């Protein structure tokens, strides 16, 4: 997967915004809450995103990903190299990350964003 495809996959999700609070990092948010990062400060040149508890354990134990710096306790993983990842799999992970974060938003915020 290319960085451009990662960006497009994140932006294709409902109610997503992207900003750069740490310089070059692209931080993708839903309702003001991060669900994915691509860049240097947090992802250290790769990508990081939130995953379910089960996915976290599997991805870390198999060595496919490492705990994301600063965000591991919140069940975020980091991949150093996007090019070796299957685009469909990454899109699925991003959809899940978006859903996990959106589910924690208040009902009013979700309604305001047009999310169920």
PDB file of N, CA and C in Angstrom:
ATOM      1  N   UNK A   1       0.853  -1.171   0.000  1.00  0.00           N
ATOM      2  CA  UNK A   1       0.000   0.000   0.000  1.00  0.00           C
ATOM      3  C   UNK A   1       0.898   1.233   0.000  1.00  0.00           C
ATOM      4  N   UNK A   2       0.507   2.210  -0.753  1.00  0.00           N
ATOM      5  CA  UNK A   2       1.273   3.457  -0.825  1.00  0.00           C
ATOM      6  C   UNK A   2       0.765   4.449   0.220  1.00  0.00           C
ATOM      7  N   UNK A   3       1.578   5.446   0.562  1.00  0.00           N
ATOM      8  CA  UNK A   3       1.096   6.483   1.473  1.00  0.00           C
ATOM      9  C   UNK A   3      -0.146   7.201   0.931  1.00  0.00           C
ATOM     10  N   UNK A   4      -0.199   7.388  -0.377  1.00  0.00           N
ATOM     11  CA  UNK A   4      -1.357   8.033  -0.992  1.00  0.00           C
ATOM     12  C   UNK A   4      -2.616   7.184  -0.823  1.00  0.00           C
ATOM     13  N   UNK A   5      -2.472   5.874  -0.947  1.00  0.00           N
ATOM     14  CA  UNK A   5      -3.614   4.970  -0.775  1.00  0.00           C
ATOM     15  C   UNK A   5      -4.056   4.945   0.687  1.00  0.00           C
ATOM     16  N   UNK A   6      -3.109   4.996   1.615  1.00  0.00           N
ATOM     17  CA  UNK A   6      -3.444   5.050   3.038  1.00  0.00           C
ATOM     18  C   UNK A   6      -4.238   6.322   3.330  1.00  0.00           C
ATOM     19  N   UNK A   7      -3.761   7.449   2.822  1.00  0.00           N
ATOM     20  CA  UNK A   7      -4.447   8.719   2.995  1.00  0.00           C
ATOM     21  C   UNK A   7      -5.862   8.655   2.415  1.00  0.00           C
ATOM     22  N   UNK A   8      -5.997   8.120   1.225  1.00  0.00           N
ATOM     23  CA  UNK A   8      -7.305   8.020   0.576  1.00  0.00           C
ATOM     24  C   UNK A   8      -8.246   7.105   1.355  1.00  0.00           C
ATOM     25  N   UNK A   9      -7.723   6.005   1.883  1.00  0.00           N
ATOM     26  CA  UNK A   9      -8.551   5.074   2.657  1.00  0.00           C
ATOM     27  C   UNK A   9      -9.050   5.732   3.936  1.00  0.00           C
ATOM     28  N   UNK A  10      -8.195   6.506   4.594  1.00  0.00           N
ATOM     29  CA  UNK A  10      -8.613   7.211   5.814  1.00  0.00           C
ATOM     30  C   UNK A  10      -9.665   8.259   5.493  1.00  0.00           C
ATOM     31  N   UNK A  11      -9.424   9.041   4.457  1.00  0.00           N
ATOM     32  CA  UNK A  11     -10.339  10.133   4.113  1.00  0.00           C
ATOM     33  C   UNK A  11     -11.675   9.631   3.568  1.00  0.00           C
ATOM     34  N   UNK A  12     -11.722   8.406   3.107  1.00  0.00           N
ATOM     35  CA  UNK A  12     -12.966   7.845   2.562  1.00  0.00           C
ATOM     36  C   UNK A  12     -13.955   7.471   3.667  1.00  0.00           C
ATOM     37  N   UNK A  13     -13.487   7.379   4.895  1.00  0.00           N
ATOM     38  CA  UNK A  13     -14.363   7.015   6.014  1.00  0.00           C
ATOM     39  C   UNK A  13     -15.224   8.219   6.416  1.00  0.00           C
ATOM     40  N   UNK A  14     -16.396   7.971   6.990  1.00  0.00           N
ATOM     41  CA  UNK A  14     -17.308   9.076   7.308  1.00  0.00           C
ATOM     42  C   UNK A  14     -16.773  10.023   8.383  1.00  0.00           C
ATOM     43  N   UNK A  15     -17.008  11.319   8.158  1.00  0.00           N
ATOM     44  CA  UNK A  15     -16.728  12.378   9.136  1.00  0.00           C
ATOM     45  C   UNK A  15     -15.260  12.459   9.554  1.00  0.00           C
ATOM     46  N   UNK A  16     -14.348  12.140   8.646  1.00  0.00           N
ATOM     47  CA  UNK A  16     -12.911  12.156   8.967  1.00  0.00           C
ATOM     48  C   UNK A  16     -12.320  13.529   8.676  1.00  0.00           C
ATOM     49  N   UNK A  17     -11.466  13.955   9.587  1.00  0.00           N
ATOM     50  CA  UNK A  17     -10.651  15.148   9.364  1.00  0.00           C
ATOM     51  C   UNK A  17      -9.195  14.729   9.474  1.00  0.00           C
ATOM     52  N   UNK A  18      -8.325  15.525   8.851  1.00  0.00           N
ATOM     53  CA  UNK A  18      -6.893  15.273   8.940  1.00  0.00           C
ATOM     54  C   UNK A  18      -6.214  16.579   9.288  1.00  0.00           C
ATOM     55  N   UNK A  19      -5.296  16.520  10.247  1.00  0.00           N
ATOM     56  CA  UNK A  19      -4.480  17.686  10.528  1.00  0.00           C
ATOM     57  C   UNK A  19      -3.052  17.249  10.810  1.00  0.00           C
ATOM     58  N   UNK A  20      -2.185  18.231  11.018  1.00  0.00           N
ATOM     59  CA  UNK A  20      -0.757  17.986  11.236  1.00  0.00           C
ATOM     60  C   UNK A  20      -0.304  18.685  12.523  1.00  0.00           C
ATOM     61  N   UNK A  21      -0.688  18.148  13.681  1.00  0.00           N
ATOM     62  CA  UNK A  21      -0.342  18.824  14.930  1.00  0.00           C
ATOM     63  C   UNK A  21       1.140  18.738  15.303  1.00  0.00           C
ATOM     64  N   UNK A  22       1.858  17.800  14.724  1.00  0.00           N
ATOM     65  CA  UNK A  22       3.271  17.611  15.071  1.00  0.00           C
ATOM     66  C   UNK A  22       4.170  17.790  13.854  1.00  0.00           C
ATOM     67  N   UNK A  23       3.873  18.728  13.019  1.00  0.00           N
ATOM     68  CA  UNK A  23       4.705  18.963  11.847  1.00  0.00           C
ATOM     69  C   UNK A  23       4.268  18.145  10.660  1.00  0.00           C
ATOM     70  N   UNK A  24       5.053  17.137  10.309  1.00  0.00           N
ATOM     71  CA  UNK A  24       4.782  16.391   9.082  1.00  0.00           C
ATOM     72  C   UNK A  24       3.809  15.227   9.262  1.00  0.00           C
ATOM     73  N   UNK A  25       3.529  14.813  10.493  1.00  0.00           N
ATOM     74  CA  UNK A  25       2.595  13.704  10.704  1.00  0.00           C
ATOM     75  C   UNK A  25       1.202  14.054  10.210  1.00  0.00           C
ATOM     76  N   UNK A  26       0.579  13.108   9.550  1.00  0.00           N
ATOM     77  CA  UNK A  26      -0.816  13.241   9.154  1.00  0.00           C
ATOM     78  C   UNK A  26      -1.640  12.485  10.189  1.00  0.00           C
ATOM     79  N   UNK A  27      -2.475  13.204  10.920  1.00  0.00           N
ATOM     80  CA  UNK A  27      -3.280  12.619  11.986  1.00  0.00           C
ATOM     81  C   UNK A  27      -4.736  12.615  11.532  1.00  0.00           C
ATOM     82  N   UNK A  28      -5.317  11.419  11.472  1.00  0.00           N
ATOM     83  CA  UNK A  28      -6.699  11.250  11.011  1.00  0.00           C
ATOM     84  C   UNK A  28      -7.591  11.101  12.230  1.00  0.00           C
ATOM     85  N   UNK A  29      -8.694  11.874  12.236  1.00  0.00           N
ATOM     86  CA  UNK A  29      -9.573  11.919  13.398  1.00  0.00           C
ATOM     87  C   UNK A  29     -11.029  11.761  12.981  1.00  0.00           C
ATOM     88  N   UNK A  30     -11.805  11.285  13.926  1.00  0.00           N
ATOM     89  CA  UNK A  30     -13.257  11.287  13.810  1.00  0.00           C
ATOM     90  C   UNK A  30     -13.777  11.908  15.102  1.00  0.00           C
ATOM     91  N   UNK A  31     -14.590  12.951  14.965  1.00  0.00           N
ATOM     92  CA  UNK A  31     -15.086  13.636  16.151  1.00  0.00           C
ATOM     93  C   UNK A  31     -13.994  14.239  17.008  1.00  0.00           C
ATOM     94  N   UNK A  32     -12.887  14.602  16.395  1.00  0.00           N
ATOM     95  CA  UNK A  32     -11.772  15.191  17.130  1.00  0.00           C
ATOM     96  C   UNK A  32     -10.868  14.199  17.825  1.00  0.00           C
ATOM     97  N   UNK A  33     -11.120  12.905  17.666  1.00  0.00           N
ATOM     98  CA  UNK A  33     -10.321  11.853  18.304  1.00  0.00           C
ATOM     99  C   UNK A  33      -9.518  11.097  17.248  1.00  0.00           C
ATOM    100  N   UNK A  34      -8.249  10.878  17.523  1.00  0.00           N
ATOM    101  CA  UNK A  34      -7.367  10.183  16.573  1.00  0.00           C
ATOM    102  C   UNK A  34      -7.751   8.714  16.410  1.00  0.00           C
ATOM    103  N   UNK A  35      -7.655   8.233  15.157  1.00  0.00           N
ATOM    104  CA  UNK A  35      -7.787   6.803  14.927  1.00  0.00           C
ATOM    105  C   UNK A  35      -6.639   6.262  14.082  1.00  0.00           C
ATOM    106  N   UNK A  36      -5.873   7.134  13.419  1.00  0.00           N
ATOM    107  CA  UNK A  36      -4.726   6.696  12.612  1.00  0.00           C
ATOM    108  C   UNK A  36      -3.739   7.844  12.462  1.00  0.00           C
ATOM    109  N   UNK A  37      -2.459   7.481  12.310  1.00  0.00           N
ATOM    110  CA  UNK A  37      -1.384   8.457  12.123  1.00  0.00           C
ATOM    111  C   UNK A  37      -0.416   7.916  11.086  1.00  0.00           C
ATOM    112  N   UNK A  38       0.035   8.805  10.205  1.00  0.00           N
ATOM    113  CA  UNK A  38       1.080   8.445   9.249  1.00  0.00           C
ATOM    114  C   UNK A  38       2.143   9.534   9.309  1.00  0.00           C
ATOM    115  N   UNK A  39       3.391   9.141   9.551  1.00  0.00           N
ATOM    116  CA  UNK A  39       4.458  10.129   9.586  1.00  0.00           C
ATOM    117  C   UNK A  39       5.564   9.799  10.551  1.00  0.00           C
ATOM    118  N   UNK A  40       6.164  10.847  11.112  1.00  0.00           N
ATOM    119  CA  UNK A  40       7.402  10.683  11.876  1.00  0.00           C
ATOM    120  C   UNK A  40       7.265  10.733  13.395  1.00  0.00           C
ATOM    121  N   UNK A  41       6.491  11.631  13.944  1.00  0.00           N
ATOM    122  CA  UNK A  41       6.479  11.825  15.402  1.00  0.00           C
ATOM    123  C   UNK A  41       5.939  10.605  16.140  1.00  0.00           C
ATOM    124  N   UNK A  42       4.743  10.171  15.811  1.00  0.00           N
ATOM    125  CA  UNK A  42       4.142   9.010  16.478  1.00  0.00           C
ATOM    126  C   UNK A  42       4.460   7.738  15.713  1.00  0.00           C
ATOM    127  N   UNK A  43       4.259   7.756  14.419  1.00  0.00           N
ATOM    128  CA  UNK A  43       4.453   6.544  13.618  1.00  0.00           C
ATOM    129  C   UNK A  43       5.918   6.327  13.245  1.00  0.00           C
ATOM    130  N   UNK A  44       6.748   7.306  13.503  1.00  0.00           N
ATOM    131  CA  UNK A  44       8.193   7.210  13.228  1.00  0.00           C
ATOM    132  C   UNK A  44       8.494   6.709  11.821  1.00  0.00           C
ATOM    133  N   UNK A  45       7.846   7.343  10.851  1.00  0.00           N
ATOM    134  CA  UNK A  45       8.088   7.000   9.456  1.00  0.00           C
ATOM    135  C   UNK A  45       7.158   5.952   8.911  1.00  0.00           C
ATOM    136  N   UNK A  46       6.333   5.360   9.738  1.00  0.00           N
ATOM    137  CA  UNK A  46       5.387   4.343   9.285  1.00  0.00           C
ATOM    138  C   UNK A  46       3.970   4.805   9.505  1.00  0.00           C
ATOM    139  N   UNK A  47       3.120   3.858   9.870  1.00  0.00           N
ATOM    140  CA  UNK A  47       1.730   4.178  10.181  1.00  0.00           C
ATOM    141  C   UNK A  47       1.356   3.522  11.507  1.00  0.00           C
ATOM    142  N   UNK A  48       0.457   4.176  12.215  1.00  0.00           N
ATOM    143  CA  UNK A  48      -0.070   3.634  13.464  1.00  0.00           C
ATOM    144  C   UNK A  48      -1.574   3.826  13.463  1.00  0.00           C
ATOM    145  N   UNK A  49      -2.267   2.889  14.096  1.00  0.00           N
ATOM    146  CA  UNK A  49      -3.714   3.029  14.230  1.00  0.00           C
ATOM    147  C   UNK A  49      -4.217   2.150  15.350  1.00  0.00           C
ATOM    148  N   UNK A  50      -5.434   2.460  15.794  1.00  0.00           N
ATOM    149  CA  UNK A  50      -6.080   1.722  16.879  1.00  0.00           C
ATOM    150  C   UNK A  50      -6.597   0.395  16.334  1.00  0.00           C
ATOM    151  N   UNK A  51      -6.496  -0.656  17.154  1.00  0.00           N
ATOM    152  CA  UNK A  51      -7.037  -1.968  16.797  1.00  0.00           C
ATOM    153  C   UNK A  51      -7.790  -2.542  17.993  1.00  0.00           C
ATOM    154  N   UNK A  52      -8.534  -3.581  17.744  1.00  0.00           N
ATOM    155  CA  UNK A  52      -9.244  -4.258  18.836  1.00  0.00           C
ATOM    156  C   UNK A  52      -8.225  -4.961  19.739  1.00  0.00           C
ATOM    157  N   UNK A  53      -8.665  -5.337  20.927  1.00  0.00           N
ATOM    158  CA  UNK A  53      -7.779  -6.040  21.857  1.00  0.00           C
ATOM    159  C   UNK A  53      -7.236  -7.329  21.248  1.00  0.00           C
ATOM    160  N   UNK A  54      -8.096  -8.078  20.574  1.00  0.00           N
ATOM    161  CA  UNK A  54      -7.683  -9.352  19.962  1.00  0.00           C
ATOM    162  C   UNK A  54      -6.682  -9.098  18.835  1.00  0.00           C
ATOM    163  N   UNK A  55      -6.982  -8.150  17.955  1.00  0.00           N
ATOM    164  CA  UNK A  55      -6.067  -7.837  16.847  1.00  0.00           C
ATOM    165  C   UNK A  55      -4.719  -7.365  17.380  1.00  0.00           C
ATOM    166  N   UNK A  56      -4.741  -6.586  18.447  1.00  0.00           N
ATOM    167  CA  UNK A  56      -3.499  -6.108  19.054  1.00  0.00           C
ATOM    168  C   UNK A  56      -2.626  -7.290  19.463  1.00  0.00           C
ATOM    169  N   UNK A  57      -3.211  -8.215  20.190  1.00  0.00           N
ATOM    170  CA  UNK A  57      -2.447  -9.383  20.650  1.00  0.00           C
ATOM    171  C   UNK A  57      -1.903 -10.195  19.479  1.00  0.00           C
ATOM    172  N   UNK A  58      -2.736 -10.441  18.489  1.00  0.00           N
ATOM    173  CA  UNK A  58      -2.314 -11.251  17.331  1.00  0.00           C
ATOM    174  C   UNK A  58      -1.214 -10.548  16.553  1.00  0.00           C
ATOM    175  N   UNK A  59      -1.398  -9.270  16.240  1.00  0.00           N
ATOM    176  CA  UNK A  59      -0.408  -8.547  15.438  1.00  0.00           C
ATOM    177  C   UNK A  59       0.927  -8.412  16.155  1.00  0.00           C
ATOM    178  N   UNK A  60       0.890  -8.217  17.462  1.00  0.00           N
ATOM    179  CA  UNK A  60       2.140  -8.089  18.227  1.00  0.00           C
ATOM    180  C   UNK A  60       2.814  -9.451  18.396  1.00  0.00           C
ATOM    181  N   UNK A  61       2.042 -10.466  18.780  1.00  0.00           N
ATOM    182  CA  UNK A  61       2.618 -11.793  19.005  1.00  0.00           C
ATOM    183  C   UNK A  61       3.197 -12.407  17.744  1.00  0.00           C
ATOM    184  N   UNK A  62       2.603 -12.143  16.596  1.00  0.00           N
ATOM    185  CA  UNK A  62       3.108 -12.699  15.339  1.00  0.00           C
ATOM    186  C   UNK A  62       4.246 -11.875  14.758  1.00  0.00           C
ATOM    187  N   UNK A  63       4.497 -10.705  15.341  1.00  0.00           N
ATOM    188  CA  UNK A  63       5.583  -9.870  14.849  1.00  0.00           C
ATOM    189  C   UNK A  63       5.231  -9.049  13.624  1.00  0.00           C
ATOM    190  N   UNK A  64       3.977  -9.044  13.229  1.00  0.00           N
ATOM    191  CA  UNK A  64       3.572  -8.250  12.062  1.00  0.00           C
ATOM    192  C   UNK A  64       3.613  -6.761  12.365  1.00  0.00           C
ATOM    193  N   UNK A  65       3.371  -6.406  13.615  1.00  0.00           N
ATOM    194  CA  UNK A  65       3.368  -5.003  14.035  1.00  0.00           C
ATOM    195  C   UNK A  65       4.056  -4.912  15.388  1.00  0.00           C
ATOM    196  N   UNK A  66       4.341  -3.692  15.789  1.00  0.00           N
ATOM    197  CA  UNK A  66       4.894  -3.437  17.118  1.00  0.00           C
ATOM    198  C   UNK A  66       3.948  -2.493  17.849  1.00  0.00           C
ATOM    199  N   UNK A  67       4.030  -2.464  19.178  1.00  0.00           N
ATOM    200  CA  UNK A  67       3.211  -1.500  19.908  1.00  0.00           C
ATOM    201  C   UNK A  67       3.572  -0.076  19.475  1.00  0.00           C
ATOM    202  N   UNK A  68       2.574   0.742  19.242  1.00  0.00           N
ATOM    203  CA  UNK A  68       2.815   2.116  18.799  1.00  0.00           C
ATOM    204  C   UNK A  68       3.408   2.940  19.935  1.00  0.00           C
ATOM    205  N   UNK A  69       4.475   3.699  19.658  1.00  0.00           N
ATOM    206  CA  UNK A  69       5.048   4.559  20.700  1.00  0.00           C
ATOM    207  C   UNK A  69       3.987   5.507  21.259  1.00  0.00           C
ATOM    208  N   UNK A  70       3.974   5.657  22.553  1.00  0.00           N
ATOM    209  CA  UNK A  70       3.073   6.549  23.283  1.00  0.00           C
ATOM    210  C   UNK A  70       1.623   6.084  23.333  1.00  0.00           C
ATOM    211  N   UNK A  71       1.216   5.169  22.457  1.00  0.00           N
ATOM    212  CA  UNK A  71      -0.202   4.808  22.354  1.00  0.00           C
ATOM    213  C   UNK A  71      -0.480   3.321  22.551  1.00  0.00           C
ATOM    214  N   UNK A  72       0.511   2.553  22.917  1.00  0.00           N
ATOM    215  CA  UNK A  72       0.332   1.106  23.050  1.00  0.00           C
ATOM    216  C   UNK A  72      -0.703   0.758  24.119  1.00  0.00           C
ATOM    217  N   UNK A  73      -0.745   1.506  25.203  1.00  0.00           N
ATOM    218  CA  UNK A  73      -1.699   1.190  26.273  1.00  0.00           C
ATOM    219  C   UNK A  73      -3.140   1.356  25.805  1.00  0.00           C
ATOM    220  N   UNK A  74      -3.338   2.146  24.743  1.00  0.00           N
ATOM    221  CA  UNK A  74      -4.673   2.336  24.167  1.00  0.00           C
ATOM    222  C   UNK A  74      -4.927   1.363  23.004  1.00  0.00           C
ATOM    223  N   UNK A  75      -4.050   0.363  22.882  1.00  0.00           N
ATOM    224  CA  UNK A  75      -4.167  -0.679  21.853  1.00  0.00           C
ATOM    225  C   UNK A  75      -3.988  -0.138  20.433  1.00  0.00           C
ATOM    226  N   UNK A  76      -2.894   0.584  20.244  1.00  0.00           N
ATOM    227  CA  UNK A  76      -2.492   1.048  18.927  1.00  0.00           C
ATOM    228  C   UNK A  76      -1.286   0.227  18.486  1.00  0.00           C
ATOM    229  N   UNK A  77      -1.224  -0.071  17.201  1.00  0.00           N
ATOM    230  CA  UNK A  77      -0.087  -0.786  16.626  1.00  0.00           C
ATOM    231  C   UNK A  77       0.620   0.105  15.623  1.00  0.00           C
ATOM    232  N   UNK A  78       1.853  -0.258  15.322  1.00  0.00           N
ATOM    233  CA  UNK A  78       2.660   0.488  14.358  1.00  0.00           C
ATOM    234  C   UNK A  78       3.246  -0.469  13.330  1.00  0.00           C
ATOM    235  N   UNK A  79       3.166  -0.056  12.087  1.00  0.00           N
ATOM    236  CA  UNK A  79       3.807  -0.766  10.985  1.00  0.00           C
ATOM    237  C   UNK A  79       4.866   0.165  10.411  1.00  0.00           C
ATOM    238  N   UNK A  80       6.085  -0.342  10.258  1.00  0.00           N
ATOM    239  CA  UNK A  80       7.176   0.483   9.745  1.00  0.00           C
ATOM    240  C   UNK A  80       7.087   0.718   8.249  1.00  0.00           C
ATOM    241  N   UNK A  81       6.569  -0.257   7.515  1.00  0.00           N
ATOM    242  CA  UNK A  81       6.615  -0.184   6.062  1.00  0.00           C
ATOM    243  C   UNK A  81       5.243  -0.461   5.464  1.00  0.00           C
ATOM    244  N   UNK A  82       4.662   0.537   4.864  1.00  0.00           N
ATOM    245  CA  UNK A  82       3.360   0.387   4.218  1.00  0.00           C
ATOM    246  C   UNK A  82       3.425  -0.478   2.966  1.00  0.00           C
ATOM    247  N   UNK A  83       4.541  -0.442   2.275  1.00  0.00           N
ATOM    248  CA  UNK A  83       4.621  -1.094   0.955  1.00  0.00           C
ATOM    249  C   UNK A  83       4.396  -2.603   1.019  1.00  0.00           C
ATOM    250  N   UNK A  84       4.677  -3.227   2.150  1.00  0.00           N
ATOM    251  CA  UNK A  84       4.504  -4.666   2.255  1.00  0.00           C
ATOM    252  C   UNK A  84       3.132  -5.099   2.730  1.00  0.00           C
ATOM    253  N   UNK A  85       2.236  -4.142   2.934  1.00  0.00           N
ATOM    254  CA  UNK A  85       0.916  -4.469   3.475  1.00  0.00           C
ATOM    255  C   UNK A  85      -0.130  -4.586   2.377  1.00  0.00           C
ATOM    256  N   UNK A  86      -1.056  -5.510   2.581  1.00  0.00           N
ATOM    257  CA  UNK A  86      -2.163  -5.708   1.650  1.00  0.00           C
ATOM    258  C   UNK A  86      -3.149  -4.553   1.796  1.00  0.00           C
ATOM    259  N   UNK A  87      -3.432  -3.816   0.724  1.00  0.00           N
ATOM    260  CA  UNK A  87      -4.333  -2.664   0.812  1.00  0.00           C
ATOM    261  C   UNK A  87      -5.713  -3.004   1.380  1.00  0.00           C
ATOM    262  N   UNK A  88      -6.282  -4.127   0.995  1.00  0.00           N
ATOM    263  CA  UNK A  88      -7.609  -4.496   1.493  1.00  0.00           C
ATOM    264  C   UNK A  88      -7.571  -4.745   2.998  1.00  0.00           C
ATOM    265  N   UNK A  89      -6.501  -5.370   3.469  1.00  0.00           N
ATOM    266  CA  UNK A  89      -6.360  -5.629   4.897  1.00  0.00           C
ATOM    267  C   UNK A  89      -6.208  -4.319   5.677  1.00  0.00           C
ATOM    268  N   UNK A  90      -5.402  -3.414   5.154  1.00  0.00           N
ATOM    269  CA  UNK A  90      -5.212  -2.122   5.820  1.00  0.00           C
ATOM    270  C   UNK A  90      -6.526  -1.337   5.833  1.00  0.00           C
ATOM    271  N   UNK A  91      -7.247  -1.340   4.736  1.00  0.00           N
ATOM    272  CA  UNK A  91      -8.540  -0.649   4.697  1.00  0.00           C
ATOM    273  C   UNK A  91      -9.490  -1.224   5.736  1.00  0.00           C
ATOM    274  N   UNK A  92      -9.471  -2.533   5.916  1.00  0.00           N
ATOM    275  CA  UNK A  92     -10.309  -3.170   6.931  1.00  0.00           C
ATOM    276  C   UNK A  92      -9.885  -2.714   8.332  1.00  0.00           C
ATOM    277  N   UNK A  93      -8.582  -2.698   8.596  1.00  0.00           N
ATOM    278  CA  UNK A  93      -8.090  -2.239   9.905  1.00  0.00           C
ATOM    279  C   UNK A  93      -8.481  -0.791  10.154  1.00  0.00           C
ATOM    280  N   UNK A  94      -8.376   0.058   9.115  1.00  0.00           N
ATOM    281  CA  UNK A  94      -8.724   1.469   9.271  1.00  0.00           C
ATOM    282  C   UNK A  94     -10.215   1.651   9.544  1.00  0.00           C
ATOM    283  N   UNK A  95     -11.039   0.868   8.865  1.00  0.00           N
ATOM    284  CA  UNK A  95     -12.480   0.917   9.111  1.00  0.00           C
ATOM    285  C   UNK A  95     -12.779   0.528  10.558  1.00  0.00           C
ATOM    286  N   UNK A  96     -12.095  -0.504  11.038  1.00  0.00           N
ATOM    287  CA  UNK A  96     -12.265  -0.930  12.427  1.00  0.00           C
ATOM    288  C   UNK A  96     -11.779   0.143  13.391  1.00  0.00           C
ATOM    289  N   UNK A  97     -10.611   0.731  13.117  1.00  0.00           N
ATOM    290  CA  UNK A  97     -10.067   1.791  13.972  1.00  0.00           C
ATOM    291  C   UNK A  97     -11.051   2.959  14.056  1.00  0.00           C
ATOM    292  N   UNK A  98     -11.563   3.362  12.921  1.00  0.00           N
ATOM    293  CA  UNK A  98     -12.541   4.447  12.861  1.00  0.00           C
ATOM    294  C   UNK A  98     -13.768   4.088  13.698  1.00  0.00           C
ATOM    295  N   UNK A  99     -14.265   2.887  13.557  1.00  0.00           N
ATOM    296  CA  UNK A  99     -15.443   2.438  14.297  1.00  0.00           C
ATOM    297  C   UNK A  99     -15.207   2.376  15.794  1.00  0.00           C
ATOM    298  N   UNK A 100     -14.035   1.896  16.207  1.00  0.00           N
ATOM    299  CA  UNK A 100     -13.712   1.816  17.629  1.00  0.00           C
ATOM    300  C   UNK A 100     -13.687   3.204  18.264  1.00  0.00           C
ATOM    301  N   UNK A 101     -13.092   4.149  17.575  1.00  0.00           N
ATOM    302  CA  UNK A 101     -13.003   5.504  18.111  1.00  0.00           C
ATOM    303  C   UNK A 101     -14.369   6.191  18.057  1.00  0.00           C
ATOM    304  N   UNK A 102     -15.080   6.040  16.956  1.00  0.00           N
ATOM    305  CA  UNK A 102     -16.403   6.668  16.830  1.00  0.00           C
ATOM    306  C   UNK A 102     -17.364   6.139  17.891  1.00  0.00           C
ATOM    307  N   UNK A 103     -17.253   4.876  18.235  1.00  0.00           N
ATOM    308  CA  UNK A 103     -18.143   4.274  19.233  1.00  0.00           C
ATOM    309  C   UNK A 103     -17.966   4.909  20.609  1.00  0.00           C
ATOM    310  N   UNK A 104     -16.807   5.491  20.874  1.00  0.00           N
ATOM    311  CA  UNK A 104     -16.541   6.120  22.174  1.00  0.00           C
ATOM    312  C   UNK A 104     -17.026   7.575  22.232  1.00  0.00           C
ATOM    313  N   UNK A 105     -17.430   8.122  21.095  1.00  0.00           N
ATOM    314  CA  UNK A 105     -17.943   9.487  21.071  1.00  0.00           C
ATOM    315  C   UNK A 105     -19.332   9.520  21.704  1.00  0.00           C
ATOM    316  N   UNK A 106     -19.719  10.669  22.194  1.00  0.00           N
ATOM    317  CA  UNK A 106     -21.060  10.780  22.761  1.00  0.00           C
ATOM    318  C   UNK A 106     -22.106  10.624  21.659  1.00  0.00           C
ATOM    319  N   UNK A 107     -23.290  10.260  22.071  1.00  0.00           N
ATOM    320  CA  UNK A 107     -24.393  10.099  21.121  1.00  0.00           C
ATOM    321  C   UNK A 107     -24.630  11.402  20.352  1.00  0.00           C
ATOM    322  N   UNK A 108     -24.559  12.523  21.050  1.00  0.00           N
ATOM    323  CA  UNK A 108     -24.785  13.824  20.414  1.00  0.00           C
ATOM    324  C   UNK A 108     -23.727  14.129  19.364  1.00  0.00           C
ATOM    325  N   UNK A 109     -22.474  13.836  19.680  1.00  0.00           N
ATOM    326  CA  UNK A 109     -21.390  14.085  18.714  1.00  0.00           C
ATOM    327  C   UNK A 109     -21.564  13.181  17.503  1.00  0.00           C
ATOM    328  N   UNK A 110     -21.853  11.881  17.750  1.00  0.00           N
ATOM    329  CA  UNK A 110     -22.062  10.967  16.621  1.00  0.00           C
ATOM    330  C   UNK A 110     -23.215  11.451  15.738  1.00  0.00           C
ATOM    331  N   UNK A 111     -24.291  11.884  16.356  1.00  0.00           N
ATOM    332  CA  UNK A 111     -25.440  12.365  15.586  1.00  0.00           C
ATOM    333  C   UNK A 111     -25.071  13.607  14.779  1.00  0.00           C
ATOM    334  N   UNK A 112     -24.308  14.503  15.381  1.00  0.00           N
ATOM    335  CA  UNK A 112     -23.876  15.710  14.693  1.00  0.00           C
ATOM    336  C   UNK A 112     -22.965  15.431  13.506  1.00  0.00           C
ATOM    337  N   UNK A 113     -22.260  14.324  13.584  1.00  0.00           N
ATOM    338  CA  UNK A 113     -21.365  13.924  12.492  1.00  0.00           C
ATOM    339  C   UNK A 113     -22.064  13.043  11.457  1.00  0.00           C
ATOM    340  N   UNK A 114     -23.306  12.686  11.736  1.00  0.00           N
ATOM    341  CA  UNK A 114     -24.034  11.801  10.828  1.00  0.00           C
ATOM    342  C   UNK A 114     -23.644  10.342  10.966  1.00  0.00           C
ATOM    343  N   UNK A 115     -23.115   9.967  12.136  1.00  0.00           N
ATOM    344  CA  UNK A 115     -22.710   8.581  12.395  1.00  0.00           C
ATOM    345  C   UNK A 115     -23.790   7.905  13.214  1.00  0.00           C
ATOM    346  N   UNK A 116     -23.984   6.629  13.009  1.00  0.00           N
ATOM    347  CA  UNK A 116     -24.981   5.876  13.775  1.00  0.00           C
ATOM    348  C   UNK A 116     -24.466   5.521  15.132  1.00  0.00           C
TER     349      UNK A 116
END
